[in-house]
Amino acid sequence: MKYKTLDELAMLDPADLAKECNKASLFLLELRMKKAGNELKQTHSIRECRRYIAQIRTIESSRVTPELA
């Protein structure tokens, strides 16, 4: 899976962000299943995917909640 940059994620609308998050979550599940079956050679990809999901969720939450000054 090719991860989008933060600038690309920031330009997406909320519906597309939700789709991207779902796609990344399914990919993370796939990676975990491969790891459990000893098929995954690049175990660092699990960490990268978790961080990518966190970035998406951070962008989603920053749009929903107004900044508290």
Protein backbone atom coordinates (compact mmCIF):
# COMPACT_ATOMS: atom_id res chain seq x y z
CA MET A 1 0.00 0.00 0.00
CA LYS A 2 1.28 3.43 -0.89
CA TYR A 3 0.86 5.92 1.92
CA LYS A 4 -0.18 9.48 1.14
CA THR A 5 1.73 12.45 2.51
CA LEU A 6 0.25 14.74 5.14
CA ASP A 7 -0.35 17.44 2.54
CA GLU A 8 -2.29 14.99 0.37
CA LEU A 9 -4.32 13.82 3.36
CA ALA A 10 -5.11 17.39 4.39
CA MET A 11 -6.65 18.07 0.98
CA LEU A 12 -9.06 15.14 1.17
CA ASP A 13 -12.66 15.67 2.19
CA PRO A 14 -14.03 13.83 5.26
CA ALA A 15 -15.63 11.03 3.24
CA ASP A 16 -12.37 10.29 1.43
CA LEU A 17 -10.47 10.40 4.72
CA ALA A 18 -12.84 7.80 6.15
CA LYS A 19 -12.33 5.59 3.09
CA GLU A 20 -8.55 5.94 3.38
CA CYS A 21 -8.71 5.04 7.08
CA ASN A 22 -10.81 1.95 6.37
CA LYS A 23 -8.45 0.89 3.60
CA ALA A 24 -5.43 1.30 5.88
CA SER A 25 -7.16 -0.59 8.69
CA LEU A 26 -7.86 -3.52 6.40
CA PHE A 27 -4.26 -3.44 5.22
CA LEU A 28 -3.09 -3.48 8.86
CA LEU A 29 -5.28 -6.52 9.51
CA GLU A 30 -3.75 -8.22 6.49
CA LEU A 31 -0.24 -7.45 7.76
CA ARG A 32 -1.06 -8.85 11.18
CA MET A 33 -2.42 -12.03 9.67
CA LYS A 34 0.73 -12.44 7.58
CA LYS A 35 2.87 -11.91 10.68
CA ALA A 36 0.91 -14.53 12.59
CA GLY A 37 1.53 -17.00 9.78
CA ASN A 38 5.26 -16.15 9.58
CA GLU A 39 4.82 -14.83 6.03
CA LEU A 40 5.74 -11.21 6.80
CA LYS A 41 9.43 -10.41 6.32
CA GLN A 42 9.23 -6.63 6.86
CA THR A 43 7.71 -6.38 10.30
CA HIS A 44 8.36 -2.62 10.42
CA SER A 45 5.52 -2.16 7.95
CA ILE A 46 3.03 -2.83 10.78
CA ARG A 47 4.38 0.16 12.70
CA GLU A 48 4.30 2.36 9.59
CA CYS A 49 0.68 1.43 8.94
CA ARG A 50 -0.34 2.16 12.55
CA ARG A 51 1.28 5.58 12.33
CA TYR A 52 -0.45 6.27 9.03
CA ILE A 53 -3.83 5.45 10.56
CA ALA A 54 -3.02 7.74 13.50
CA GLN A 55 -2.17 10.58 11.11
CA ILE A 56 -5.49 10.15 9.31
CA ARG A 57 -7.43 10.12 12.59
CA THR A 58 -5.57 13.20 13.82
CA ILE A 59 -6.54 15.12 10.69
CA GLU A 60 -10.15 13.95 11.05
CA SER A 61 -10.36 15.04 14.68
CA SER A 62 -8.71 18.38 14.06
CA ARG A 63 -11.41 19.22 11.55
CA VAL A 64 -14.25 18.22 13.86
CA THR A 65 -13.19 19.93 17.07
CA PRO A 66 -12.53 23.65 17.04
CA GLU A 67 -9.24 24.87 18.44
CA LEU A 68 -9.40 25.89 22.06
CA ALA A 69 -7.43 29.08 22.60
